[in-house]
C-alpha atoms as a PDB file:
ATOM      1  CA  MET A   1     -23.682  34.638 145.791  1.00  0.00           C
ATOM      2  CA  SER A   2     -24.777  32.345 148.641  1.00  0.00           C
ATOM      3  CA  ARG A   3     -26.761  33.957 151.468  1.00  0.00           C
ATOM      4  CA  ILE A   4     -25.802  32.994 155.010  1.00  0.00           C
ATOM      5  CA  LEU A   5     -27.846  33.808 158.113  1.00  0.00           C
ATOM      6  CA  ILE A   6     -25.976  33.940 161.437  1.00  0.00           C
ATOM      7  CA  ILE A   7     -28.115  33.806 164.598  1.00  0.00           C
ATOM      8  CA  GLU A   8     -25.668  34.542 167.423  1.00  0.00           C
ATOM      9  CA  ASP A   9     -26.132  36.695 170.520  1.00  0.00           C
ATOM     10  CA  GLU A  10     -22.411  37.230 171.246  1.00  0.00           C
ATOM     11  CA  ILE A  11     -21.672  40.270 169.098  1.00  0.00           C
ATOM     12  CA  ALA A  12     -17.884  39.758 168.922  1.00  0.00           C
ATOM     13  CA  ILE A  13     -18.293  36.145 167.760  1.00  0.00           C
ATOM     14  CA  ALA A  14     -21.007  37.051 165.242  1.00  0.00           C
ATOM     15  CA  ASP A  15     -18.860  39.849 163.799  1.00  0.00           C
ATOM     16  CA  LEU A  16     -15.864  37.515 163.473  1.00  0.00           C
ATOM     17  CA  GLU A  17     -17.955  34.855 161.745  1.00  0.00           C
ATOM     18  CA  ARG A  18     -19.434  37.453 159.391  1.00  0.00           C
ATOM     19  CA  ASP A  19     -16.022  38.929 158.533  1.00  0.00           C
ATOM     20  CA  TYR A  20     -14.522  35.565 157.607  1.00  0.00           C
ATOM     21  CA  LEU A  21     -17.555  34.497 155.596  1.00  0.00           C
ATOM     22  CA  GLU A  22     -17.725  37.807 153.728  1.00  0.00           C
ATOM     23  CA  LEU A  23     -14.018  37.475 152.895  1.00  0.00           C
ATOM     24  CA  SER A  24     -14.990  34.187 151.257  1.00  0.00           C
ATOM     25  CA  ASP A  25     -17.558  36.008 149.095  1.00  0.00           C
ATOM     26  CA  PHE A  26     -20.694  35.062 151.003  1.00  0.00           C
ATOM     27  CA  GLU A  27     -23.552  37.491 151.605  1.00  0.00           C
ATOM     28  CA  VAL A  28     -24.096  37.461 155.369  1.00  0.00           C
ATOM     29  CA  GLU A  29     -26.802  38.788 157.673  1.00  0.00           C
ATOM     30  CA  VAL A  30     -26.605  38.633 161.476  1.00  0.00           C
ATOM     31  CA  GLU A  31     -29.394  38.512 164.029  1.00  0.00           C
ATOM     32  CA  HIS A  32     -28.645  38.545 167.785  1.00  0.00           C
ATOM     33  CA  ASP A  33     -32.111  37.663 169.143  1.00  0.00           C
ATOM     34  CA  GLY A  34     -33.540  34.162 168.847  1.00  0.00           C
ATOM     35  CA  THR A  35     -37.146  35.139 168.209  1.00  0.00           C
ATOM     36  CA  ALA A  36     -36.219  37.699 165.546  1.00  0.00           C
ATOM     37  CA  GLY A  37     -33.740  35.208 164.081  1.00  0.00           C
ATOM     38  CA  LEU A  38     -36.424  32.546 163.741  1.00  0.00           C
ATOM     39  CA  GLU A  39     -38.730  34.987 161.955  1.00  0.00           C
ATOM     40  CA  LEU A  40     -35.933  35.960 159.580  1.00  0.00           C
ATOM     41  CA  ALA A  41     -35.001  32.322 158.946  1.00  0.00           C
ATOM     42  CA  LEU A  42     -38.566  31.392 158.064  1.00  0.00           C
ATOM     43  CA  ASN A  43     -39.527  34.452 156.017  1.00  0.00           C
ATOM     44  CA  GLU A  44     -36.485  34.834 153.777  1.00  0.00           C
ATOM     45  CA  GLU A  45     -34.511  32.481 151.570  1.00  0.00           C
ATOM     46  CA  TRP A  46     -31.099  31.379 152.854  1.00  0.00           C
ATOM     47  CA  ASP A  47     -28.505  28.998 151.509  1.00  0.00           C
ATOM     48  CA  LEU A  48     -27.240  28.088 154.991  1.00  0.00           C
ATOM     49  CA  ILE A  49     -27.893  29.046 158.622  1.00  0.00           C
ATOM     50  CA  VAL A  50     -25.239  29.283 161.350  1.00  0.00           C
ATOM     51  CA  LEU A  51     -27.202  28.879 164.560  1.00  0.00           C
ATOM     52  CA  ASP A  52     -26.086  29.457 168.157  1.00  0.00           C
ATOM     53  CA  LEU A  53     -27.625  27.209 170.789  1.00  0.00           C
ATOM     54  CA  MET A  54     -28.122  29.592 173.715  1.00  0.00           C
ATOM     55  CA  LEU A  55     -30.057  32.655 172.569  1.00  0.00           C
ATOM     56  CA  PRO A  56     -32.344  35.247 174.144  1.00  0.00           C
ATOM     57  CA  GLY A  57     -35.978  34.834 173.206  1.00  0.00           C
ATOM     58  CA  THR A  58     -36.095  31.536 171.311  1.00  0.00           C
ATOM     59  CA  ASP A  59     -33.259  29.046 171.787  1.00  0.00           C
ATOM     60  CA  GLY A  60     -31.367  27.296 169.019  1.00  0.00           C
ATOM     61  CA  PHE A  61     -33.111  23.966 169.551  1.00  0.00           C
ATOM     62  CA  GLU A  62     -36.549  25.472 168.910  1.00  0.00           C
ATOM     63  CA  ILE A  63     -35.275  27.481 165.945  1.00  0.00           C
ATOM     64  CA  CYS A  64     -33.699  24.396 164.388  1.00  0.00           C
ATOM     65  CA  GLN A  65     -36.859  22.339 164.823  1.00  0.00           C
ATOM     66  CA  SER A  66     -39.104  25.091 163.419  1.00  0.00           C
ATOM     67  CA  VAL A  67     -36.897  25.734 160.378  1.00  0.00           C
ATOM     68  CA  ARG A  68     -36.376  22.059 159.636  1.00  0.00           C
ATOM     69  CA  SER A  69     -40.132  21.422 159.659  1.00  0.00           C
ATOM     70  CA  VAL A  70     -40.566  23.646 156.599  1.00  0.00           C
ATOM     71  CA  LYS A  71     -37.126  24.021 154.980  1.00  0.00           C
ATOM     72  CA  ASN A  72     -34.259  21.731 154.037  1.00  0.00           C
ATOM     73  CA  VAL A  73     -31.593  24.465 154.208  1.00  0.00           C
ATOM     74  CA  PRO A  74     -28.292  23.305 155.799  1.00  0.00           C
ATOM     75  CA  ILE A  75     -28.010  24.261 159.477  1.00  0.00           C
ATOM     76  CA  ILE A  76     -24.710  24.430 161.365  1.00  0.00           C
ATOM     77  CA  MET A  77     -25.291  24.631 165.107  1.00  0.00           C
ATOM     78  CA  VAL A  78     -22.591  26.244 167.291  1.00  0.00           C
ATOM     79  CA  SER A  79     -22.383  26.230 171.078  1.00  0.00           C
ATOM     80  CA  ALA A  80     -20.045  26.621 174.031  1.00  0.00           C
ATOM     81  CA  ARG A  81     -21.780  23.626 175.613  1.00  0.00           C
ATOM     82  CA  LYS A  82     -19.650  20.521 175.135  1.00  0.00           C
ATOM     83  CA  GLU A  83     -22.080  17.934 176.523  1.00  0.00           C
ATOM     84  CA  ASP A  84     -22.817  15.108 174.080  1.00  0.00           C
ATOM     85  CA  ILE A  85     -26.510  15.282 174.981  1.00  0.00           C
ATOM     86  CA  ASP A  86     -26.727  18.773 173.474  1.00  0.00           C
ATOM     87  CA  LYS A  87     -25.017  17.636 170.287  1.00  0.00           C
ATOM     88  CA  VAL A  88     -27.263  14.574 170.047  1.00  0.00           C
ATOM     89  CA  ARG A  89     -30.370  16.680 170.616  1.00  0.00           C
ATOM     90  CA  GLY A  90     -29.329  19.307 168.057  1.00  0.00           C
ATOM     91  CA  LEU A  91     -28.517  16.768 165.383  1.00  0.00           C
ATOM     92  CA  GLY A  92     -31.669  14.848 166.219  1.00  0.00           C
ATOM     93  CA  LEU A  93     -33.750  17.968 165.553  1.00  0.00           C
ATOM     94  CA  GLY A  94     -32.282  18.226 162.058  1.00  0.00           C
ATOM     95  CA  ALA A  95     -29.042  20.212 162.342  1.00  0.00           C
ATOM     96  CA  ASP A  96     -26.508  19.131 159.714  1.00  0.00           C
ATOM     97  CA  ASP A  97     -23.445  19.860 161.841  1.00  0.00           C
ATOM     98  CA  TYR A  98     -22.456  20.908 165.377  1.00  0.00           C
ATOM     99  CA  ILE A  99     -19.345  22.953 166.228  1.00  0.00           C
ATOM    100  CA  THR A 100     -18.188  23.506 169.800  1.00  0.00           C
ATOM    101  CA  LYS A 101     -16.864  26.924 170.828  1.00  0.00           C
ATOM    102  CA  PRO A 102     -14.147  28.070 170.732  1.00  0.00           C
ATOM    103  CA  PHE A 103     -13.427  27.161 167.122  1.00  0.00           C
ATOM    104  CA  SER A 104     -11.275  28.533 164.350  1.00  0.00           C
ATOM    105  CA  PRO A 105     -13.154  30.901 161.997  1.00  0.00           C
ATOM    106  CA  SER A 106     -11.399  29.167 159.102  1.00  0.00           C
ATOM    107  CA  GLU A 107     -12.899  25.877 160.285  1.00  0.00           C
ATOM    108  CA  LEU A 108     -16.366  27.423 160.162  1.00  0.00           C
ATOM    109  CA  VAL A 109     -15.745  28.688 156.627  1.00  0.00           C
ATOM    110  CA  ALA A 110     -14.529  25.234 155.556  1.00  0.00           C
ATOM    111  CA  ARG A 111     -17.619  23.567 156.970  1.00  0.00           C
ATOM    112  CA  VAL A 112     -19.927  26.135 155.393  1.00  0.00           C
ATOM    113  CA  LYS A 113     -18.319  25.541 151.993  1.00  0.00           C
ATOM    114  CA  ALA A 114     -18.524  21.762 152.385  1.00  0.00           C
ATOM    115  CA  HIS A 115     -22.221  21.813 153.306  1.00  0.00           C
ATOM    116  CA  LEU A 116     -23.097  24.249 150.511  1.00  0.00           C
ATOM    117  CA  ALA A 117     -21.196  22.171 147.940  1.00  0.00           C
ATOM    118  CA  ARG A 118     -22.969  18.977 148.944  1.00  0.00           C
ATOM    119  CA  TYR A 119     -26.375  20.647 149.046  1.00  0.00           C
ATOM    120  CA  GLU A 120     -25.797  22.116 145.588  1.00  0.00           C
ATOM    121  CA  ARG A 121     -24.751  18.742 144.169  1.00  0.00           C
ATOM    122  CA  LEU A 122     -27.874  17.179 145.595  1.00  0.00           C
ATOM    123  CA  THR A 123     -30.449  19.821 144.670  1.00  0.00           C
ATOM    124  CA  GLY A 124     -28.879  22.044 142.008  1.00  0.00           C
ATOM    125  CA  PRO A 125     -29.373  21.999 138.220  1.00  0.00           C
ATOM    126  CA  ALA A 126     -26.664  19.370 137.781  1.00  0.00           C
ATOM    127  CA  ALA A 127     -28.719  16.950 139.843  1.00  0.00           C
ATOM    128  CA  THR A 128     -31.566  17.086 137.333  1.00  0.00           C
ATOM    129  CA  ALA A 129     -29.352  16.893 134.270  1.00  0.00           C
ATOM    130  CA  VAL A 130     -28.591  13.190 134.691  1.00  0.00           C
ATOM    131  CA  PRO A 131     -31.030  10.352 133.969  1.00  0.00           C
ATOM    132  CA  ASN A 132     -33.417   9.482 136.775  1.00  0.00           C
ATOM    133  CA  LYS A 133     -31.915   7.041 139.261  1.00  0.00           C
ATOM    134  CA  VAL A 134     -34.120   5.024 141.572  1.00  0.00           C
ATOM    135  CA  LEU A 135     -32.927   2.438 144.083  1.00  0.00           C
ATOM    136  CA  THR A 136     -35.425  -0.243 145.089  1.00  0.00           C
ATOM    137  CA  ILE A 137     -34.564  -2.646 147.898  1.00  0.00           C
ATOM    138  CA  ARG A 138     -37.146  -4.829 149.677  1.00  0.00           C
ATOM    139  CA  GLY A 139     -39.923  -2.242 149.823  1.00  0.00           C
ATOM    140  CA  LEU A 140     -37.545   0.698 150.176  1.00  0.00           C
ATOM    141  CA  ARG A 141     -37.541   3.080 147.194  1.00  0.00           C
ATOM    142  CA  ILE A 142     -35.022   5.928 146.913  1.00  0.00           C
ATOM    143  CA  ASP A 143     -35.421   8.440 144.096  1.00  0.00           C
ATOM    144  CA  LYS A 144     -32.038  10.176 143.928  1.00  0.00           C
ATOM    145  CA  ASP A 145     -33.095  12.923 141.520  1.00  0.00           C
ATOM    146  CA  ALA A 146     -36.336  13.820 143.274  1.00  0.00           C
ATOM    147  CA  HIS A 147     -34.777  13.488 146.754  1.00  0.00           C
ATOM    148  CA  ARG A 148     -37.690  11.303 147.887  1.00  0.00           C
ATOM    149  CA  VAL A 149     -37.950   8.062 149.860  1.00  0.00           C
ATOM    150  CA  TRP A 150     -40.818   5.589 150.167  1.00  0.00           C
ATOM    151  CA  VAL A 151     -41.186   2.545 152.412  1.00  0.00           C
ATOM    152  CA  HIS A 152     -43.793   0.075 151.146  1.00  0.00           C
ATOM    153  CA  GLY A 153     -45.490   2.886 149.253  1.00  0.00           C
ATOM    154  CA  GLU A 154     -45.522   5.386 152.126  1.00  0.00           C
ATOM    155  CA  GLU A 155     -43.364   8.462 151.573  1.00  0.00           C
ATOM    156  CA  LYS A 156     -40.920   9.402 154.328  1.00  0.00           C
ATOM    157  CA  SER A 157     -39.461  12.863 154.916  1.00  0.00           C
ATOM    158  CA  LEU A 158     -35.664  12.876 155.333  1.00  0.00           C
ATOM    159  CA  THR A 159     -33.283  15.768 155.873  1.00  0.00           C
ATOM    160  CA  THR A 160     -30.523  16.351 153.319  1.00  0.00           C
ATOM    161  CA  LYS A 161     -27.877  14.571 155.366  1.00  0.00           C
ATOM    162  CA  GLU A 162     -30.216  11.694 156.266  1.00  0.00           C
ATOM    163  CA  PHE A 163     -30.980  11.240 152.569  1.00  0.00           C
ATOM    164  CA  GLU A 164     -27.300  11.354 151.591  1.00  0.00           C
ATOM    165  CA  LEU A 165     -26.310   8.872 154.281  1.00  0.00           C
ATOM    166  CA  LEU A 166     -29.103   6.431 153.446  1.00  0.00           C
ATOM    167  CA  THR A 167     -28.378   6.667 149.714  1.00  0.00           C
ATOM    168  CA  PHE A 168     -24.640   6.127 150.199  1.00  0.00           C
ATOM    169  CA  LEU A 169     -25.202   3.026 152.326  1.00  0.00           C
ATOM    170  CA  ALA A 170     -27.842   1.646 149.941  1.00  0.00           C
ATOM    171  CA  GLU A 171     -25.486   2.132 146.981  1.00  0.00           C
ATOM    172  CA  ASN A 172     -22.770   0.203 148.824  1.00  0.00           C
ATOM    173  CA  PRO A 173     -24.647  -2.769 150.302  1.00  0.00           C
ATOM    174  CA  ASN A 174     -23.004  -5.378 152.540  1.00  0.00           C
ATOM    175  CA  HIS A 175     -19.936  -3.174 153.024  1.00  0.00           C
ATOM    176  CA  VAL A 176     -19.163  -2.284 156.640  1.00  0.00           C
ATOM    177  CA  PHE A 177     -18.297   1.386 157.093  1.00  0.00           C
ATOM    178  CA  THR A 178     -16.826   2.834 160.268  1.00  0.00           C
ATOM    179  CA  LYS A 179     -18.367   5.978 161.709  1.00  0.00           C
ATOM    180  CA  GLU A 180     -15.203   7.857 160.740  1.00  0.00           C
ATOM    181  CA  GLU A 181     -15.506   6.708 157.113  1.00  0.00           C
ATOM    182  CA  LEU A 182     -19.163   7.711 156.950  1.00  0.00           C
ATOM    183  CA  PHE A 183     -18.444  11.134 158.442  1.00  0.00           C
ATOM    184  CA  ARG A 184     -15.678  11.796 155.933  1.00  0.00           C
ATOM    185  CA  GLN A 185     -17.858  10.589 153.064  1.00  0.00           C
ATOM    186  CA  ILE A 186     -21.048  12.493 153.921  1.00  0.00           C
ATOM    187  CA  TRP A 187     -19.699  15.549 155.738  1.00  0.00           C
ATOM    188  CA  ASN A 188     -16.402  15.701 153.829  1.00  0.00           C
ATOM    189  CA  MET A 189     -14.254  16.477 156.874  1.00  0.00           C
ATOM    190  CA  ASP A 190     -12.365  14.742 159.675  1.00  0.00           C
ATOM    191  CA  SER A 191     -14.552  13.202 162.355  1.00  0.00           C
ATOM    192  CA  ILE A 192     -12.570  14.169 165.459  1.00  0.00           C
ATOM    193  CA  GLY A 193     -15.123  14.873 168.174  1.00  0.00           C
ATOM    194  CA  ASP A 194     -18.075  14.388 165.805  1.00  0.00           C
ATOM    195  CA  ILE A 195     -18.784  10.649 165.973  1.00  0.00           C
ATOM    196  CA  ALA A 196     -22.186  11.413 167.541  1.00  0.00           C
ATOM    197  CA  THR A 197     -23.198  13.034 164.243  1.00  0.00           C
ATOM    198  CA  VAL A 198     -23.246   9.694 162.427  1.00  0.00           C
ATOM    199  CA  THR A 199     -24.873   7.850 165.322  1.00  0.00           C
ATOM    200  CA  VAL A 200     -27.730  10.337 165.605  1.00  0.00           C
ATOM    201  CA  HIS A 201     -28.388  10.387 161.853  1.00  0.00           C
ATOM    202  CA  ILE A 202     -28.489   6.575 161.703  1.00  0.00           C
ATOM    203  CA  LYS A 203     -30.956   6.594 164.610  1.00  0.00           C
ATOM    204  CA  LYS A 204     -33.200   9.145 162.871  1.00  0.00           C
ATOM    205  CA  ILE A 205     -33.121   7.213 159.574  1.00  0.00           C
ATOM    206  CA  ARG A 206     -34.098   4.007 161.357  1.00  0.00           C
ATOM    207  CA  GLU A 207     -37.015   5.754 163.056  1.00  0.00           C
ATOM    208  CA  LYS A 208     -38.308   6.743 159.616  1.00  0.00           C
ATOM    209  CA  ILE A 209     -37.699   3.639 157.483  1.00  0.00           C
ATOM    210  CA  GLU A 210     -37.611   0.666 159.832  1.00  0.00           C
ATOM    211  CA  ALA A 211     -40.777  -1.133 160.956  1.00  0.00           C
ATOM    212  CA  ASP A 212     -38.909  -2.041 164.157  1.00  0.00           C
ATOM    213  CA  LYS A 213     -35.906   0.218 164.797  1.00  0.00           C
ATOM    214  CA  ASN A 214     -34.657  -2.217 167.449  1.00  0.00           C
ATOM    215  CA  ASN A 215     -34.547  -4.986 164.848  1.00  0.00           C
ATOM    216  CA  PRO A 216     -33.489  -3.090 161.690  1.00  0.00           C
ATOM    217  CA  GLN A 217     -34.019  -4.727 158.304  1.00  0.00           C
ATOM    218  CA  TYR A 218     -31.997  -2.218 156.283  1.00  0.00           C
ATOM    219  CA  ILE A 219     -29.151  -0.576 158.241  1.00  0.00           C
ATOM    220  CA  GLU A 220     -27.368  -3.021 160.509  1.00  0.00           C
ATOM    221  CA  THR A 221     -25.003  -2.149 163.363  1.00  0.00           C
ATOM    222  CA  ILE A 222     -21.754  -4.111 163.373  1.00  0.00           C
ATOM    223  CA  TRP A 223     -20.736  -3.697 166.999  1.00  0.00           C
ATOM    224  CA  GLY A 224     -17.254  -2.310 167.494  1.00  0.00           C
ATOM    225  CA  VAL A 225     -16.919  -1.514 163.775  1.00  0.00           C
ATOM    226  CA  GLY A 226     -19.722   0.561 162.261  1.00  0.00           C
ATOM    227  CA  TYR A 227     -22.727   0.087 159.966  1.00  0.00           C
ATOM    228  CA  ARG A 228     -23.705  -1.723 156.800  1.00  0.00           C
ATOM    229  CA  PHE A 229     -26.754  -1.821 154.531  1.00  0.00           C
ATOM    230  CA  LYS A 230     -28.155  -5.346 154.353  1.00  0.00           C
ATOM    231  CA  MET A 231     -29.152  -6.766 150.986  1.00  0.00           C
END
């Protein structure tokens, strides 16, 4: 049974999220304080974290950054703040998804299931049962089984979604994908209101693999259309 940690200070919302997730056979624990939530997130093993942005003690941004520095567990950030800058900042710190309140509890459950399924496919036993697959393109080396990336011999640390997005583009070179297509492919859901998710992840990947992120040699922006991996 997958373990889900909810860090949410609004008790009614946290209880509703917990009820719906438990009905879907998840084991759920709730923490209402940010500082206590961060300690719990770091000291126990979780399959996914649902993280509110505005919390007493330690806010969601700091929690996300602290957890992501040591764990690759999927993080879904939720907030009543609709400003794009908050979404961009949250995703830039390593959150895998961002949901704006109010949202349907069934939507949260669907997103939790989608992220868990993708994480399991990437890191679970099935991932190691297939022959090793390594992509090598102009100094960029992607080991799909080991979930590792090197650029000219130097290893780079990517989040799960960054790794999936980079691998998908590298496996489909010279094809231009719209942001909507990439969101559906990597996040497995409609992209309404979530275009910033793709943009931020592309930006973070470029910062890690490109010698000059303003003149990218791997992931190219096709203005007005989307992105493509250059061969």
